PDB file of N, CA and C in Angstrom:
ATOM      1  N   MET A   1     -29.245  -4.835   3.747  1.00  0.00           N
ATOM      2  CA  MET A   1     -28.208  -5.149   2.833  1.00  0.00           C
ATOM      3  C   MET A   1     -28.761  -5.949   1.750  1.00  0.00           C
ATOM      4  N   ASN A   2     -28.581  -5.565   0.365  1.00  0.00           N
ATOM      5  CA  ASN A   2     -29.076  -6.318  -0.687  1.00  0.00           C
ATOM      6  C   ASN A   2     -28.079  -7.358  -1.210  1.00  0.00           C
ATOM      7  N   ASP A   3     -28.239  -8.179  -2.175  1.00  0.00           N
ATOM      8  CA  ASP A   3     -27.395  -9.185  -2.538  1.00  0.00           C
ATOM      9  C   ASP A   3     -26.174  -8.660  -3.365  1.00  0.00           C
ATOM     10  N   GLN A   4     -26.290  -7.449  -3.828  1.00  0.00           N
ATOM     11  CA  GLN A   4     -25.160  -6.824  -4.577  1.00  0.00           C
ATOM     12  C   GLN A   4     -24.142  -6.250  -3.616  1.00  0.00           C
ATOM     13  N   ASP A   5     -24.632  -5.777  -2.399  1.00  0.00           N
ATOM     14  CA  ASP A   5     -23.724  -5.239  -1.462  1.00  0.00           C
ATOM     15  C   ASP A   5     -22.930  -6.253  -0.688  1.00  0.00           C
ATOM     16  N   LYS A   6     -23.486  -7.507  -0.621  1.00  0.00           N
ATOM     17  CA  LYS A   6     -22.835  -8.522   0.214  1.00  0.00           C
ATOM     18  C   LYS A   6     -21.346  -8.821  -0.201  1.00  0.00           C
ATOM     19  N   PRO A   7     -21.012  -9.019  -1.481  1.00  0.00           N
ATOM     20  CA  PRO A   7     -19.549  -9.226  -1.803  1.00  0.00           C
ATOM     21  C   PRO A   7     -18.700  -8.146  -1.233  1.00  0.00           C
ATOM     22  N   THR A   8     -19.102  -7.038  -1.473  1.00  0.00           N
ATOM     23  CA  THR A   8     -18.340  -5.736  -1.145  1.00  0.00           C
ATOM     24  C   THR A   8     -17.992  -5.774   0.450  1.00  0.00           C
ATOM     25  N   VAL A   9     -19.150  -6.018   1.123  1.00  0.00           N
ATOM     26  CA  VAL A   9     -19.055  -5.957   2.573  1.00  0.00           C
ATOM     27  C   VAL A   9     -18.105  -7.014   3.075  1.00  0.00           C
ATOM     28  N   LEU A  10     -18.375  -8.201   2.524  1.00  0.00           N
ATOM     29  CA  LEU A  10     -17.470  -9.331   2.895  1.00  0.00           C
ATOM     30  C   LEU A  10     -16.011  -9.110   2.519  1.00  0.00           C
ATOM     31  N   LEU A  11     -15.809  -8.601   1.357  1.00  0.00           N
ATOM     32  CA  LEU A  11     -14.355  -8.349   0.809  1.00  0.00           C
ATOM     33  C   LEU A  11     -13.654  -7.387   1.869  1.00  0.00           C
ATOM     34  N   GLU A  12     -14.389  -6.272   2.105  1.00  0.00           N
ATOM     35  CA  GLU A  12     -13.783  -5.300   3.137  1.00  0.00           C
ATOM     36  C   GLU A  12     -13.594  -5.835   4.461  1.00  0.00           C
ATOM     37  N   TYR A  13     -14.450  -6.703   4.897  1.00  0.00           N
ATOM     38  CA  TYR A  13     -14.367  -7.330   6.209  1.00  0.00           C
ATOM     39  C   TYR A  13     -13.016  -8.181   6.306  1.00  0.00           C
ATOM     40  N   TYR A  14     -13.001  -9.001   5.169  1.00  0.00           N
ATOM     41  CA  TYR A  14     -11.933  -9.933   5.113  1.00  0.00           C
ATOM     42  C   TYR A  14     -10.472  -9.280   4.945  1.00  0.00           C
ATOM     43  N   LEU A  15     -10.559  -8.191   4.172  1.00  0.00           N
ATOM     44  CA  LEU A  15      -9.313  -7.352   4.069  1.00  0.00           C
ATOM     45  C   LEU A  15      -8.825  -6.726   5.322  1.00  0.00           C
ATOM     46  N   LYS A  16      -9.731  -6.309   6.153  1.00  0.00           N
ATOM     47  CA  LYS A  16      -9.492  -5.740   7.495  1.00  0.00           C
ATOM     48  C   LYS A  16      -9.050  -6.927   8.305  1.00  0.00           C
ATOM     49  N   LYS A  17      -9.687  -8.018   8.358  1.00  0.00           N
ATOM     50  CA  LYS A  17      -9.290  -9.141   9.304  1.00  0.00           C
ATOM     51  C   LYS A  17      -7.904  -9.620   8.937  1.00  0.00           C
ATOM     52  N   LEU A  18      -7.599  -9.577   7.574  1.00  0.00           N
ATOM     53  CA  LEU A  18      -6.295 -10.004   7.146  1.00  0.00           C
ATOM     54  C   LEU A  18      -5.169  -9.023   7.421  1.00  0.00           C
ATOM     55  N   ARG A  19      -5.520  -7.780   7.790  1.00  0.00           N
ATOM     56  CA  ARG A  19      -4.677  -6.738   7.982  1.00  0.00           C
ATOM     57  C   ARG A  19      -3.946  -6.384   6.629  1.00  0.00           C
ATOM     58  N   LEU A  20      -4.839  -6.058   5.653  1.00  0.00           N
ATOM     59  CA  LEU A  20      -4.241  -5.556   4.392  1.00  0.00           C
ATOM     60  C   LEU A  20      -4.878  -4.195   4.140  1.00  0.00           C
ATOM     61  N   PRO A  21      -4.430  -3.188   4.904  1.00  0.00           N
ATOM     62  CA  PRO A  21      -5.128  -1.891   4.723  1.00  0.00           C
ATOM     63  C   PRO A  21      -4.803  -1.187   3.356  1.00  0.00           C
ATOM     64  N   THR A  22      -3.801  -1.435   2.680  1.00  0.00           N
ATOM     65  CA  THR A  22      -3.570  -0.836   1.291  1.00  0.00           C
ATOM     66  C   THR A  22      -4.508  -1.432   0.382  1.00  0.00           C
ATOM     67  N   MET A  23      -4.570  -2.878   0.395  1.00  0.00           N
ATOM     68  CA  MET A  23      -5.482  -3.469  -0.534  1.00  0.00           C
ATOM     69  C   MET A  23      -6.963  -2.883  -0.336  1.00  0.00           C
ATOM     70  N   LEU A  24      -7.344  -2.721   1.014  1.00  0.00           N
ATOM     71  CA  LEU A  24      -8.650  -2.285   1.344  1.00  0.00           C
ATOM     72  C   LEU A  24      -8.835  -0.904   0.752  1.00  0.00           C
ATOM     73  N   ARG A  25      -7.898  -0.087   0.867  1.00  0.00           N
ATOM     74  CA  ARG A  25      -7.957   1.263   0.368  1.00  0.00           C
ATOM     75  C   ARG A  25      -8.015   1.392  -1.198  1.00  0.00           C
ATOM     76  N   GLU A  26      -7.134   0.447  -1.804  1.00  0.00           N
ATOM     77  CA  GLU A  26      -6.777   0.559  -3.256  1.00  0.00           C
ATOM     78  C   GLU A  26      -7.674  -0.355  -4.153  1.00  0.00           C
ATOM     79  N   TYR A  27      -8.510  -1.258  -3.609  1.00  0.00           N
ATOM     80  CA  TYR A  27      -9.011  -2.357  -4.460  1.00  0.00           C
ATOM     81  C   TYR A  27     -10.024  -1.689  -5.519  1.00  0.00           C
ATOM     82  N   ALA A  28     -10.874  -0.748  -5.081  1.00  0.00           N
ATOM     83  CA  ALA A  28     -11.861  -0.119  -5.981  1.00  0.00           C
ATOM     84  C   ALA A  28     -11.181   0.689  -6.849  1.00  0.00           C
ATOM     85  N   PRO A  29     -10.233   1.631  -6.655  1.00  0.00           N
ATOM     86  CA  PRO A  29      -9.532   2.505  -7.662  1.00  0.00           C
ATOM     87  C   PRO A  29      -8.801   1.779  -8.630  1.00  0.00           C
ATOM     88  N   MET A  30      -8.135   0.610  -8.082  1.00  0.00           N
ATOM     89  CA  MET A  30      -7.296  -0.244  -8.917  1.00  0.00           C
ATOM     90  C   MET A  30      -8.187  -0.938  -9.879  1.00  0.00           C
ATOM     91  N   SER A  31      -9.225  -1.362  -9.427  1.00  0.00           N
ATOM     92  CA  SER A  31     -10.340  -2.042 -10.373  1.00  0.00           C
ATOM     93  C   SER A  31     -10.679  -1.254 -11.442  1.00  0.00           C
ATOM     94  N   ALA A  32     -10.950  -0.017 -11.200  1.00  0.00           N
ATOM     95  CA  ALA A  32     -11.293   0.974 -12.324  1.00  0.00           C
ATOM     96  C   ALA A  32     -10.258   1.118 -13.347  1.00  0.00           C
ATOM     97  N   ILE A  33      -8.960   1.338 -12.741  1.00  0.00           N
ATOM     98  CA  ILE A  33      -7.828   1.386 -13.602  1.00  0.00           C
ATOM     99  C   ILE A  33      -7.653   0.149 -14.606  1.00  0.00           C
ATOM    100  N   CYS A  34      -7.706  -0.983 -13.975  1.00  0.00           N
ATOM    101  CA  CYS A  34      -7.492  -2.210 -14.733  1.00  0.00           C
ATOM    102  C   CYS A  34      -8.661  -2.457 -15.654  1.00  0.00           C
ATOM    103  N   ARG A  35      -9.761  -2.051 -15.272  1.00  0.00           N
ATOM    104  CA  ARG A  35     -10.929  -2.227 -16.155  1.00  0.00           C
ATOM    105  C   ARG A  35     -10.781  -1.318 -17.526  1.00  0.00           C
ATOM    106  N   ASP A  36     -10.326  -0.052 -17.254  1.00  0.00           N
ATOM    107  CA  ASP A  36     -10.024   0.887 -18.358  1.00  0.00           C
ATOM    108  C   ASP A  36      -8.854   0.337 -19.316  1.00  0.00           C
ATOM    109  N   GLU A  37      -7.934  -0.210 -18.670  1.00  0.00           N
ATOM    110  CA  GLU A  37      -6.798  -0.767 -19.416  1.00  0.00           C
ATOM    111  C   GLU A  37      -7.099  -2.153 -19.969  1.00  0.00           C
ATOM    112  N   ARG A  38      -8.291  -2.790 -19.600  1.00  0.00           N
ATOM    113  CA  ARG A  38      -8.591  -4.144 -19.947  1.00  0.00           C
ATOM    114  C   ARG A  38      -7.611  -5.116 -19.611  1.00  0.00           C
ATOM    115  N   SER A  39      -7.044  -4.811 -18.363  1.00  0.00           N
ATOM    116  CA  SER A  39      -6.122  -5.894 -17.775  1.00  0.00           C
ATOM    117  C   SER A  39      -6.896  -7.033 -17.280  1.00  0.00           C
ATOM    118  N   ASP A  40      -6.153  -8.160 -17.317  1.00  0.00           N
ATOM    119  CA  ASP A  40      -6.881  -9.355 -16.647  1.00  0.00           C
ATOM    120  C   ASP A  40      -6.696  -9.365 -15.090  1.00  0.00           C
ATOM    121  N   PHE A  41      -7.310 -10.442 -14.490  1.00  0.00           N
ATOM    122  CA  PHE A  41      -7.479 -10.478 -13.117  1.00  0.00           C
ATOM    123  C   PHE A  41      -6.126 -10.777 -12.444  1.00  0.00           C
ATOM    124  N   PRO A  42      -5.231 -11.575 -12.919  1.00  0.00           N
ATOM    125  CA  PRO A  42      -3.888 -11.779 -12.356  1.00  0.00           C
ATOM    126  C   PRO A  42      -3.098 -10.336 -12.274  1.00  0.00           C
ATOM    127  N   ILE A  43      -3.322  -9.574 -13.316  1.00  0.00           N
ATOM    128  CA  ILE A  43      -2.617  -8.319 -13.377  1.00  0.00           C
ATOM    129  C   ILE A  43      -3.114  -7.384 -12.185  1.00  0.00           C
ATOM    130  N   TYR A  44      -4.475  -7.440 -11.952  1.00  0.00           N
ATOM    131  CA  TYR A  44      -5.199  -6.625 -11.078  1.00  0.00           C
ATOM    132  C   TYR A  44      -4.601  -7.017  -9.645  1.00  0.00           C
ATOM    133  N   LEU A  45      -4.594  -8.444  -9.416  1.00  0.00           N
ATOM    134  CA  LEU A  45      -4.031  -8.765  -8.063  1.00  0.00           C
ATOM    135  C   LEU A  45      -2.669  -8.477  -7.939  1.00  0.00           C
ATOM    136  N   LEU A  46      -1.863  -8.668  -8.923  1.00  0.00           N
ATOM    137  CA  LEU A  46      -0.478  -8.272  -8.889  1.00  0.00           C
ATOM    138  C   LEU A  46      -0.167  -6.831  -8.503  1.00  0.00           C
ATOM    139  N   ARG A  47      -1.043  -5.913  -9.197  1.00  0.00           N
ATOM    140  CA  ARG A  47      -0.874  -4.531  -8.767  1.00  0.00           C
ATOM    141  C   ARG A  47      -1.312  -4.217  -7.299  1.00  0.00           C
ATOM    142  N   LEU A  48      -2.296  -4.834  -6.867  1.00  0.00           N
ATOM    143  CA  LEU A  48      -2.801  -4.624  -5.554  1.00  0.00           C
ATOM    144  C   LEU A  48      -1.729  -5.222  -4.447  1.00  0.00           C
ATOM    145  N   ALA A  49      -1.176  -6.379  -4.812  1.00  0.00           N
ATOM    146  CA  ALA A  49      -0.083  -6.972  -3.986  1.00  0.00           C
ATOM    147  C   ALA A  49       1.056  -6.182  -3.906  1.00  0.00           C
ATOM    148  N   GLU A  50       1.474  -5.562  -5.052  1.00  0.00           N
ATOM    149  CA  GLU A  50       2.664  -4.633  -5.181  1.00  0.00           C
ATOM    150  C   GLU A  50       2.428  -3.398  -4.247  1.00  0.00           C
ATOM    151  N   ARG A  51       1.258  -2.818  -4.309  1.00  0.00           N
ATOM    152  CA  ARG A  51       0.843  -1.607  -3.482  1.00  0.00           C
ATOM    153  C   ARG A  51       1.051  -1.888  -2.018  1.00  0.00           C
ATOM    154  N   GLU A  52       0.484  -3.104  -1.746  1.00  0.00           N
ATOM    155  CA  GLU A  52       0.529  -3.496  -0.322  1.00  0.00           C
ATOM    156  C   GLU A  52       2.019  -3.693   0.179  1.00  0.00           C
ATOM    157  N   ILE A  53       2.843  -4.377  -0.553  1.00  0.00           N
ATOM    158  CA  ILE A  53       4.121  -4.676  -0.268  1.00  0.00           C
ATOM    159  C   ILE A  53       4.864  -3.292  -0.055  1.00  0.00           C
ATOM    160  N   LEU A  54       4.766  -2.489  -1.069  1.00  0.00           N
ATOM    161  CA  LEU A  54       5.535  -1.163  -1.061  1.00  0.00           C
ATOM    162  C   LEU A  54       5.059  -0.264   0.214  1.00  0.00           C
ATOM    163  N   ASP A  55       3.769  -0.335   0.479  1.00  0.00           N
ATOM    164  CA  ASP A  55       3.321   0.537   1.568  1.00  0.00           C
ATOM    165  C   ASP A  55       3.838  -0.213   2.893  1.00  0.00           C
ATOM    166  N   ARG A  56       3.874  -1.444   3.124  1.00  0.00           N
ATOM    167  CA  ARG A  56       4.452  -2.148   4.281  1.00  0.00           C
ATOM    168  C   ARG A  56       5.860  -1.838   4.392  1.00  0.00           C
ATOM    169  N   GLU A  57       6.618  -1.880   3.331  1.00  0.00           N
ATOM    170  CA  GLU A  57       8.028  -1.631   3.472  1.00  0.00           C
ATOM    171  C   GLU A  57       8.270  -0.131   3.881  1.00  0.00           C
ATOM    172  N   LYS A  58       7.488   0.730   3.235  1.00  0.00           N
ATOM    173  CA  LYS A  58       7.631   2.194   3.699  1.00  0.00           C
ATOM    174  C   LYS A  58       7.247   2.502   5.294  1.00  0.00           C
ATOM    175  N   ARG A  59       6.164   1.760   5.630  1.00  0.00           N
ATOM    176  CA  ARG A  59       5.926   1.911   6.954  1.00  0.00           C
ATOM    177  C   ARG A  59       6.787   1.275   7.891  1.00  0.00           C
ATOM    178  N   ALA A  60       7.478   0.186   7.642  1.00  0.00           N
ATOM    179  CA  ALA A  60       8.548  -0.471   8.365  1.00  0.00           C
ATOM    180  C   ALA A  60       9.694   0.321   8.528  1.00  0.00           C
ATOM    181  N   ALA A  61       9.996   0.912   7.467  1.00  0.00           N
ATOM    182  CA  ALA A  61      11.308   1.779   7.442  1.00  0.00           C
ATOM    183  C   ALA A  61      10.994   3.037   8.447  1.00  0.00           C
ATOM    184  N   GLU A  62       9.753   3.742   8.356  1.00  0.00           N
ATOM    185  CA  GLU A  62       9.322   4.724   9.099  1.00  0.00           C
ATOM    186  C   GLU A  62       9.397   4.333  10.716  1.00  0.00           C
ATOM    187  N   ARG A  63       8.928   3.093  10.880  1.00  0.00           N
ATOM    188  CA  ARG A  63       8.774   2.622  12.241  1.00  0.00           C
ATOM    189  C   ARG A  63      10.171   2.405  12.799  1.00  0.00           C
ATOM    190  N   ARG A  64      11.147   1.847  12.053  1.00  0.00           N
ATOM    191  CA  ARG A  64      12.450   1.546  12.491  1.00  0.00           C
ATOM    192  C   ARG A  64      13.142   2.883  12.739  1.00  0.00           C
ATOM    193  N   ILE A  65      12.976   3.900  12.033  1.00  0.00           N
ATOM    194  CA  ILE A  65      13.593   5.221  12.290  1.00  0.00           C
ATOM    195  C   ILE A  65      13.073   5.784  13.516  1.00  0.00           C
ATOM    196  N   LYS A  66      11.803   5.579  13.649  1.00  0.00           N
ATOM    197  CA  LYS A  66      11.157   6.226  14.886  1.00  0.00           C
ATOM    198  C   LYS A  66      11.645   5.422  16.134  1.00  0.00           C
ATOM    199  N   GLU A  67      11.690   4.085  15.999  1.00  0.00           N
ATOM    200  CA  GLU A  67      12.164   3.327  17.283  1.00  0.00           C
ATOM    201  C   GLU A  67      13.553   3.583  17.583  1.00  0.00           C
ATOM    202  N   ALA A  68      14.410   3.999  16.534  1.00  0.00           N
ATOM    203  CA  ALA A  68      15.788   4.159  16.832  1.00  0.00           C
ATOM    204  C   ALA A  68      16.072   5.431  17.588  1.00  0.00           C
ATOM    205  N   ARG A  69      15.077   6.332  17.561  1.00  0.00           N
ATOM    206  CA  ARG A  69      15.089   7.572  18.295  1.00  0.00           C
ATOM    207  C   ARG A  69      16.372   8.448  17.986  1.00  0.00           C
ATOM    208  N   PHE A  70      16.631   8.485  16.652  1.00  0.00           N
ATOM    209  CA  PHE A  70      17.732   9.248  16.140  1.00  0.00           C
ATOM    210  C   PHE A  70      17.441  10.808  16.663  1.00  0.00           C
ATOM    211  N   PRO A  71      18.496  11.546  16.976  1.00  0.00           N
ATOM    212  CA  PRO A  71      18.201  12.954  17.318  1.00  0.00           C
ATOM    213  C   PRO A  71      17.724  13.720  16.111  1.00  0.00           C
ATOM    214  N   VAL A  72      18.249  13.485  15.003  1.00  0.00           N
ATOM    215  CA  VAL A  72      17.852  14.259  13.771  1.00  0.00           C
ATOM    216  C   VAL A  72      17.765  13.175  12.651  1.00  0.00           C
ATOM    217  N   VAL A  73      16.819  13.128  11.801  1.00  0.00           N
ATOM    218  CA  VAL A  73      16.858  12.316  10.611  1.00  0.00           C
ATOM    219  C   VAL A  73      17.560  12.961   9.632  1.00  0.00           C
ATOM    220  N   LYS A  74      18.541  12.318   9.110  1.00  0.00           N
ATOM    221  CA  LYS A  74      19.472  12.757   7.877  1.00  0.00           C
ATOM    222  C   LYS A  74      19.293  11.987   6.730  1.00  0.00           C
ATOM    223  N   THR A  75      19.364  12.673   5.678  1.00  0.00           N
ATOM    224  CA  THR A  75      19.232  12.063   4.375  1.00  0.00           C
ATOM    225  C   THR A  75      20.700  12.431   3.628  1.00  0.00           C
ATOM    226  N   ILE A  76      20.880  11.815   2.580  1.00  0.00           N
ATOM    227  CA  ILE A  76      22.222  12.056   1.840  1.00  0.00           C
ATOM    228  C   ILE A  76      22.300  13.624   1.244  1.00  0.00           C
ATOM    229  N   ASP A  77      20.964  14.174   1.051  1.00  0.00           N
ATOM    230  CA  ASP A  77      21.052  15.531   0.672  1.00  0.00           C
ATOM    231  C   ASP A  77      21.475  16.610   1.735  1.00  0.00           C
ATOM    232  N   THR A  78      21.281  16.091   2.971  1.00  0.00           N
ATOM    233  CA  THR A  78      21.769  17.014   4.164  1.00  0.00           C
ATOM    234  C   THR A  78      23.136  17.020   4.459  1.00  0.00           C
ATOM    235  N   PHE A  79      23.950  16.120   3.943  1.00  0.00           N
ATOM    236  CA  PHE A  79      25.317  16.102   4.227  1.00  0.00           C
ATOM    237  C   PHE A  79      26.122  17.030   3.509  1.00  0.00           C
ATOM    238  N   ASP A  80      27.188  17.601   4.039  1.00  0.00           N
ATOM    239  CA  ASP A  80      28.028  18.395   3.276  1.00  0.00           C
ATOM    240  C   ASP A  80      28.940  17.681   2.449  1.00  0.00           C
ATOM    241  N   CYS A  81      29.113  18.084   1.292  1.00  0.00           N
ATOM    242  CA  CYS A  81      30.025  17.163   0.352  1.00  0.00           C
ATOM    243  C   CYS A  81      31.258  17.946   0.137  1.00  0.00           C
ATOM    244  N   LEU A  82      32.446  17.158   0.238  1.00  0.00           N
ATOM    245  CA  LEU A  82      33.743  17.701   0.090  1.00  0.00           C
ATOM    246  C   LEU A  82      33.958  18.042  -1.306  1.00  0.00           C
ATOM    247  N   PHE A  83      33.265  17.480  -2.234  1.00  0.00           N
ATOM    248  CA  PHE A  83      33.651  17.575  -3.680  1.00  0.00           C
ATOM    249  C   PHE A  83      32.783  18.572  -4.347  1.00  0.00           C
ATOM    250  N   ARG A  84      32.054  19.444  -3.732  1.00  0.00           N
ATOM    251  CA  ARG A  84      31.171  20.430  -4.277  1.00  0.00           C
ATOM    252  C   ARG A  84      32.000  21.566  -4.932  1.00  0.00           C
TER     253      ARG A  84
END
């Protein structure tokens, strides 16, 4: 491992250890987007944190639905509306 690879390896290790899978997956692509847009570092971190939060909320909702063991998952689109 050369000196240029060390920060990347450590970052990926720390993100795994902190259980931040979305940040681990998205940090490189988001870095490229922010670089192209000339965004500053706080914006980069904000976008990564937003992605992590949204992904956690989505997985939590999916987990709660699965744990509830509903016979059929229903959405508002599947209900018959009396006013159609």
